[in-house]
C-alpha cells in the first residue's frame, strides 16, 4: 500500500462552517461608501473563508514514509509543506514537514532523504489555527511563531487537519483588503526602507551568492541567515534566484549533488526587482501577481539603502514573512493607540 494518503473529505467538512463576508470579494476598489477600515476588513476575513477559496484538500503523507517520498509529494502538489498522519488513522495529524525542515534537518546534516523516516525530522509540536480565526489572528501566530504554514483544525477534533493556511494565503487576502480599505494607514505609506529599518536583520545584506558557487554554499548561506532563497550575482549584476523549492525540485528529485552542482545551473533567471522607495502594498501586489515569495531590493542609480545602523548596502531582500511581521507590529501599535 502506498504511504501517500490524501484526504478527500476535507472540503465537505469545511462547508459545515458558515462564512459571513459582507465586504468580499475584494476585486477592484469599489465605491467610497463601500470601503471599510482595514482592521474591520481583516477581522471579517475568516480562516473558513480562506480554505473555502483554496478548494484544496490537505496534502498529507503517512508516518511510514521516507523524507524523499514526502519531498516528491510536495513537488507533485506544488506545496511548501505536508501534514504527516498516523499510520493507524490517516485523518489524525502527528506532525508537519516543510521545505525549510529539509534544508535544516537533512542536507546540512548529511542525512539521506531516501533512508530517513519522515518521523525523525518532522515538527511534532505543531501550532494550529481554528476555522473561526480571522486574518489578524493568523498574522499574529505567524509573526510570533516565525513560520509560514498553519494547519487548521476543528476545535472538537484537534488532531484532524482541515487544511493549511500559508503565508501566501495571508498576503493574497491582505492585498485584497488593502484594495477596499478606507484608511490604509497600516501600510499604504510604508516604504521598503521602513521595513528594512524595522527588521535590521542580516538577510538584508547577506542574501546572495556568486554564479560559480556551489548549491551547497547557497544552502549554507540560507541556513546561516534564516532565509528561504538567495540571489545569484555575476560581478555586480543580479542574474537569478535560488530557492528552497528549487533545491527540492532541481537537485533532490533530479538526483544531483549539491556539492558538485553550480548554483547558476539550477537557479531561476529573470528576477523581478524593487527599489527601496517602493511602497510595501505595491510590492505585495507584485508578489501575488507573479506568485513569488522573495524580491530583491536594489537601489536606484546613485542611491543607497538608508539602514538604521548607519551603513549602506547595495542589495537587500524582502520576503512575504518580512511584510507579515511588519504588519503585525503596526497592528499592535494601532491597538495600543486605541
Protein backbone atom coordinates (compact mmCIF):
# COMPACT_ATOMS: atom_id res chain seq x y z
CA UNK A 1 0.00 0.00 0.00
CA UNK A 2 1.29 3.47 -0.82
CA UNK A 3 2.33 5.64 2.10
CA UNK A 4 0.71 8.66 0.44
CA UNK A 5 -2.84 9.18 1.65
CA UNK A 6 -4.80 12.20 0.50
CA UNK A 7 -7.85 13.30 2.45
CA UNK A 8 -10.82 13.62 0.12
CA UNK A 9 -13.49 14.59 2.61
CA UNK A 10 -11.88 17.81 3.83
CA UNK A 11 -13.88 20.28 1.74
CA UNK A 12 -17.17 18.68 2.85
CA UNK A 13 -16.09 19.12 6.45
CA UNK A 14 -15.12 22.74 5.79
CA UNK A 15 -18.59 23.51 4.39
CA UNK A 16 -20.03 22.82 7.84
CA UNK A 17 -18.73 26.23 8.87
CA UNK A 18 -20.74 29.23 7.63
CA UNK A 19 -18.81 32.10 6.10
CA UNK A 20 -20.01 35.67 6.65
CA UNK A 21 -18.10 38.02 4.35
CA UNK A 22 -20.13 41.18 3.70
CA UNK A 23 -17.13 43.01 2.22
CA UNK A 24 -15.95 40.25 -0.11
CA UNK A 25 -14.78 39.83 -2.83
CA UNK A 26 -12.00 42.43 -2.75
CA UNK A 27 -11.75 42.81 -6.51
CA UNK A 28 -11.33 46.41 -7.66
CA UNK A 29 -11.54 49.48 -5.49
CA UNK A 30 -15.32 49.73 -5.28
CA UNK A 31 -17.08 52.95 -4.34
CA UNK A 32 -16.02 55.11 -1.43
CA UNK A 33 -19.15 54.24 0.53
CA UNK A 34 -18.30 50.55 0.26
CA UNK A 35 -14.87 50.99 1.79
CA UNK A 36 -14.25 49.93 5.39
CA UNK A 37 -11.48 50.40 7.96
CA UNK A 38 -8.61 48.00 7.26
CA UNK A 39 -8.84 46.39 10.70
CA UNK A 40 -12.56 45.68 10.16
CA UNK A 41 -11.86 44.06 6.81
CA UNK A 42 -9.08 41.91 8.25
CA UNK A 43 -11.28 40.88 11.17
CA UNK A 44 -14.01 39.80 8.73
CA UNK A 45 -11.70 37.51 6.73
CA UNK A 46 -12.08 34.18 8.48
CA UNK A 47 -9.90 31.10 8.10
CA UNK A 48 -13.00 29.23 6.92
CA UNK A 49 -13.26 31.68 4.01
CA UNK A 50 -9.60 31.30 3.10
CA UNK A 51 -9.83 27.50 2.99
CA UNK A 52 -13.06 27.65 1.00
CA UNK A 53 -11.35 29.82 -1.61
CA UNK A 54 -8.38 27.45 -1.91
CA UNK A 55 -10.56 24.48 -2.89
CA UNK A 56 -7.72 22.15 -1.93
CA UNK A 57 -7.73 19.07 0.31
CA UNK A 58 -4.99 18.56 2.87
CA UNK A 59 -1.79 17.23 1.31
CA UNK A 60 -0.55 14.54 3.67
CA UNK A 61 1.66 11.50 3.98
CA UNK A 62 1.83 8.59 6.41
CA UNK A 63 4.31 8.26 9.26
CA UNK A 64 5.67 5.22 7.43
CA UNK A 65 7.01 7.35 4.55
CA UNK A 66 10.57 8.46 3.97
CA UNK A 67 11.66 12.07 3.61
CA UNK A 68 12.20 11.50 -0.12
CA UNK A 69 8.60 10.35 -0.56
CA UNK A 70 7.39 13.46 1.27
CA UNK A 71 9.50 15.74 -0.94
CA UNK A 72 8.24 14.01 -4.07
CA UNK A 73 4.62 14.50 -3.00
CA UNK A 74 5.23 18.16 -2.09
CA UNK A 75 6.74 18.75 -5.53
CA UNK A 76 3.84 16.98 -7.25
CA UNK A 77 1.28 19.09 -5.35
CA UNK A 78 3.38 22.29 -5.62
CA UNK A 79 3.20 22.99 -1.90
CA UNK A 80 5.80 24.02 0.68
CA UNK A 81 4.60 21.76 3.49
CA UNK A 82 2.97 18.41 4.07
CA UNK A 83 0.98 17.05 7.01
CA UNK A 84 2.24 13.77 8.47
CA UNK A 85 -0.56 11.46 9.61
CA UNK A 86 -0.65 8.49 11.92
CA UNK A 87 -0.33 5.01 10.44
CA UNK A 88 -3.47 3.72 12.10
CA UNK A 89 -5.58 6.78 11.27
CA UNK A 90 -4.81 8.79 8.09
CA UNK A 91 -7.07 11.62 9.26
CA UNK A 92 -5.13 12.19 12.50
CA UNK A 93 -2.14 14.55 12.35
CA UNK A 94 1.10 13.63 14.09
CA UNK A 95 3.35 16.33 12.63
CA UNK A 96 4.22 18.63 9.74
CA UNK A 97 7.21 18.74 7.37
CA UNK A 98 8.28 21.78 5.33
CA UNK A 99 10.83 22.84 2.73
CA UNK A 100 12.75 24.62 5.48
CA UNK A 101 12.85 21.43 7.56
CA UNK A 102 14.59 19.64 4.69
CA UNK A 103 17.30 22.26 4.49
CA UNK A 104 17.98 22.31 8.23
CA UNK A 105 17.45 18.69 9.18
CA UNK A 106 18.56 16.69 6.14
CA UNK A 107 21.00 18.27 3.72
CA UNK A 108 23.16 20.25 6.15
CA UNK A 109 23.34 17.25 8.49
CA UNK A 110 24.35 14.98 5.60
CA UNK A 111 21.43 12.58 6.02
CA UNK A 112 19.92 10.50 3.23
CA UNK A 113 16.40 11.54 2.24
CA UNK A 114 15.68 8.04 0.89
CA UNK A 115 16.73 6.35 4.13
CA UNK A 116 15.48 8.83 6.73
CA UNK A 117 11.93 8.25 8.06
CA UNK A 118 9.77 11.36 7.97
CA UNK A 119 9.06 10.86 11.68
CA UNK A 120 12.70 11.62 12.55
CA UNK A 121 12.67 15.14 11.08
CA UNK A 122 9.05 16.31 11.13
CA UNK A 123 7.87 19.00 13.55
CA UNK A 124 5.62 17.43 16.18
CA UNK A 125 4.76 20.50 18.30
CA UNK A 126 2.53 21.92 15.58
CA UNK A 127 0.91 25.31 16.03
CA UNK A 128 -2.62 25.22 14.62
CA UNK A 129 -5.44 27.60 13.75
CA UNK A 130 -9.20 27.21 14.05
CA UNK A 131 -11.90 27.87 11.49
CA UNK A 132 -13.25 30.96 13.26
CA UNK A 133 -9.87 32.70 13.42
CA UNK A 134 -9.57 35.87 11.37
CA UNK A 135 -6.70 37.28 9.31
CA UNK A 136 -5.34 39.25 12.27
CA UNK A 137 -5.16 36.07 14.37
CA UNK A 138 -3.24 34.28 11.61
CA UNK A 139 -0.79 37.17 11.15
CA UNK A 140 -0.15 37.21 14.90
CA UNK A 141 0.50 33.45 15.02
CA UNK A 142 2.88 33.51 12.04
CA UNK A 143 4.78 36.59 13.21
CA UNK A 144 5.27 35.30 16.75
CA UNK A 145 5.96 31.69 15.75
CA UNK A 146 8.13 32.60 12.72
CA UNK A 147 6.57 30.01 10.42
CA UNK A 148 4.83 30.10 7.04
CA UNK A 149 2.36 27.22 7.33
CA UNK A 150 -0.50 26.92 9.80
CA UNK A 151 -2.64 23.75 9.83
CA UNK A 152 -6.32 24.38 10.52
CA UNK A 153 -8.23 22.07 12.86
CA UNK A 154 -11.73 21.54 14.20
CA UNK A 155 -11.98 22.52 17.86
CA UNK A 156 -13.77 19.29 18.70
CA UNK A 157 -11.16 17.26 16.76
CA UNK A 158 -7.83 18.98 17.46
CA UNK A 159 -5.76 16.32 15.67
CA UNK A 160 -7.80 16.37 12.45
CA UNK A 161 -6.42 18.91 9.93
CA UNK A 162 -8.92 20.55 7.57
CA UNK A 163 -6.36 22.45 5.55
CA UNK A 164 -3.30 24.67 5.75
CA UNK A 165 -3.14 28.46 5.68
CA UNK A 166 0.18 29.65 4.24
CA UNK A 167 1.97 32.98 4.17
CA UNK A 168 0.95 33.22 0.51
CA UNK A 169 -2.73 32.96 1.51
CA UNK A 170 -2.21 35.73 4.07
CA UNK A 171 -0.57 38.02 1.50
CA UNK A 172 -3.33 37.33 -1.05
CA UNK A 173 -6.05 38.26 1.43
CA UNK A 174 -4.19 41.28 2.78
CA UNK A 175 -3.67 42.73 -0.70
CA UNK A 176 -7.39 42.29 -1.35
CA UNK A 177 -8.25 44.07 1.89
CA UNK A 178 -5.98 46.99 1.01
CA UNK A 179 -7.96 47.50 -2.21
CA UNK A 180 -11.15 48.03 -0.23
CA UNK A 181 -10.00 49.82 2.92
CA UNK A 182 -10.86 53.41 3.78
CA UNK A 183 -7.78 54.04 5.92
CA UNK A 184 -4.76 52.12 4.64
CA UNK A 185 -2.57 53.80 7.26
CA UNK A 186 -1.13 50.46 8.33
CA UNK A 187 0.67 50.00 5.04
CA UNK A 188 -0.16 52.46 2.25
CA UNK A 189 2.53 54.96 3.19
CA UNK A 190 5.09 52.35 4.22
CA UNK A 191 8.18 52.07 2.03
CA UNK A 192 10.53 49.11 1.82
CA UNK A 193 13.14 51.24 3.61
CA UNK A 194 10.80 51.40 6.62
CA UNK A 195 10.60 47.62 6.77
CA UNK A 196 14.37 47.18 6.46
CA UNK A 197 14.93 49.69 9.25
CA UNK A 198 12.42 47.84 11.41
CA UNK A 199 13.92 44.39 10.77
CA UNK A 200 17.65 45.21 10.82
CA UNK A 201 18.49 41.60 10.10
CA UNK A 202 21.47 40.05 8.35
CA UNK A 203 19.42 38.84 5.41
CA UNK A 204 19.00 42.48 4.40
CA UNK A 205 22.64 42.44 3.39
CA UNK A 206 23.80 38.79 3.24
CA UNK A 207 21.34 37.28 0.77
CA UNK A 208 23.31 36.39 -2.34
CA UNK A 209 25.98 34.08 -3.75
CA UNK A 210 28.12 34.14 -6.88
CA UNK A 211 27.10 32.29 -10.02
CA UNK A 212 30.13 29.98 -9.68
CA UNK A 213 29.36 28.98 -6.08
CA UNK A 214 28.04 25.51 -5.40
CA UNK A 215 24.48 24.79 -4.38
CA UNK A 216 25.84 23.63 -1.04
CA UNK A 217 27.35 27.09 -0.45
CA UNK A 218 23.95 28.63 -1.23
CA UNK A 219 22.29 26.31 1.27
CA UNK A 220 24.81 27.25 3.94
CA UNK A 221 24.05 30.95 3.45
CA UNK A 222 20.30 30.30 3.58
CA UNK A 223 20.71 28.36 6.82
CA UNK A 224 23.07 30.89 8.43
CA UNK A 225 20.80 33.84 7.74
CA UNK A 226 17.49 32.01 8.12
CA UNK A 227 16.06 32.77 4.68
CA UNK A 228 14.38 30.63 2.04
CA UNK A 229 16.24 31.96 -1.01
CA UNK A 230 19.45 33.59 -2.16
CA UNK A 231 20.04 35.83 -5.15
CA UNK A 232 22.72 34.92 -7.64
CA UNK A 233 25.17 37.52 -8.94
CA UNK A 234 27.83 37.66 -11.62
CA UNK A 235 30.14 40.53 -10.80
CA UNK A 236 27.83 43.45 -10.00
CA UNK A 237 24.90 42.02 -11.95
CA UNK A 238 21.93 40.17 -10.49
CA UNK A 239 21.28 37.17 -12.76
CA UNK A 240 18.94 34.88 -10.85
CA UNK A 241 17.44 33.49 -7.65
CA UNK A 242 17.79 30.10 -5.96
CA UNK A 243 15.10 28.94 -3.51
CA UNK A 244 14.33 26.06 -1.18
CA UNK A 245 11.83 24.80 -3.74
CA UNK A 246 14.46 24.95 -6.50
CA UNK A 247 16.66 22.76 -4.34
CA UNK A 248 13.98 20.13 -3.82
CA UNK A 249 12.81 20.09 -7.45
CA UNK A 250 16.10 20.60 -9.31
CA UNK A 251 18.61 18.87 -7.06
CA UNK A 252 17.00 16.21 -4.86
CA UNK A 253 14.36 14.94 -7.29
CA UNK A 254 16.82 15.09 -10.19
CA UNK A 255 19.40 13.03 -8.34
CA UNK A 256 22.07 15.75 -8.34
CA UNK A 257 24.61 16.55 -5.61
CA UNK A 258 24.69 19.98 -4.03
CA UNK A 259 28.47 19.81 -3.60
CA UNK A 260 29.02 19.17 -7.32
CA UNK A 261 26.39 21.47 -8.86
CA UNK A 262 26.94 25.17 -9.54
CA UNK A 263 24.08 27.37 -8.41
CA UNK A 264 23.93 29.02 -11.87
CA UNK A 265 22.92 25.65 -13.35
CA UNK A 266 19.73 25.36 -11.29
CA UNK A 267 18.77 28.96 -10.45
CA UNK A 268 15.68 30.75 -11.76
CA UNK A 269 16.70 33.63 -14.08
CA UNK A 270 14.83 36.85 -14.94
CA UNK A 271 14.31 38.10 -11.39
CA UNK A 272 11.71 40.79 -10.66
CA UNK A 273 13.21 43.58 -8.53
CA UNK A 274 12.05 46.56 -6.47
CA UNK A 275 13.73 49.71 -5.19
CA UNK A 276 13.88 50.83 -1.54
CA UNK A 277 11.45 53.72 -2.02
CA UNK A 278 8.75 51.41 -3.40
CA UNK A 279 5.56 51.19 -1.35
CA UNK A 280 5.02 47.95 0.57
CA UNK A 281 1.49 47.37 -0.86
CA UNK A 282 2.84 47.68 -4.40
CA UNK A 283 5.49 45.04 -3.70
CA UNK A 284 2.89 42.80 -2.06
CA UNK A 285 0.75 43.07 -5.20
CA UNK A 286 3.81 42.21 -7.27
CA UNK A 287 4.35 39.06 -5.21
CA UNK A 288 0.73 38.00 -5.64
CA UNK A 289 0.69 38.73 -9.38
CA UNK A 290 3.86 36.75 -10.09
CA UNK A 291 3.45 34.11 -7.35
CA UNK A 292 6.81 34.83 -5.73
CA UNK A 293 7.89 34.99 -2.07
CA UNK A 294 11.19 36.87 -2.32
CA UNK A 295 12.00 40.15 -4.07
CA UNK A 296 15.49 41.71 -4.36
CA UNK A 297 15.56 45.37 -3.36
CA UNK A 298 18.13 47.26 -5.41
CA UNK A 299 18.79 51.00 -5.06
CA UNK A 300 18.24 53.29 -7.98
CA UNK A 301 21.42 54.54 -9.68
CA UNK A 302 23.38 56.79 -7.31
CA UNK A 303 21.25 55.91 -4.28
CA UNK A 304 21.87 53.64 -1.31
CA UNK A 305 19.61 51.98 1.21
CA UNK A 306 19.48 54.00 4.44
CA UNK A 307 19.60 51.41 7.21
CA UNK A 308 19.16 52.38 10.83
CA UNK A 309 22.65 51.13 11.72
CA UNK A 310 24.10 53.94 9.62
CA UNK A 311 25.66 51.69 6.97
CA UNK A 312 24.85 51.45 3.28
CA UNK A 313 24.13 48.29 1.33
CA UNK A 314 23.74 47.76 -2.38
CA UNK A 315 21.19 44.95 -2.37
CA UNK A 316 18.60 43.62 0.05
CA UNK A 317 15.81 41.05 0.18
CA UNK A 318 12.18 41.49 1.10
CA UNK A 319 10.05 38.42 1.78
CA UNK A 320 6.42 37.62 2.45
CA UNK A 321 7.26 36.94 6.09
CA UNK A 322 9.01 40.31 6.43
CA UNK A 323 5.83 42.05 5.38
CA UNK A 324 3.68 39.86 7.63
CA UNK A 325 5.89 40.58 10.66
CA UNK A 326 5.91 44.29 9.88
CA UNK A 327 2.12 44.31 9.55
CA UNK A 328 1.90 42.53 12.90
CA UNK A 329 3.95 45.28 14.51
CA UNK A 330 1.76 48.02 13.03
CA UNK A 331 -1.40 46.23 14.18
CA UNK A 332 -0.03 46.06 17.74
CA UNK A 333 0.84 49.76 17.63
CA UNK A 334 -2.66 50.61 16.39
CA UNK A 335 -4.21 48.53 19.19
CA UNK A 336 -2.16 50.35 21.83
CA UNK A 337 -3.28 53.68 20.43
CA UNK A 338 -6.89 52.63 20.73
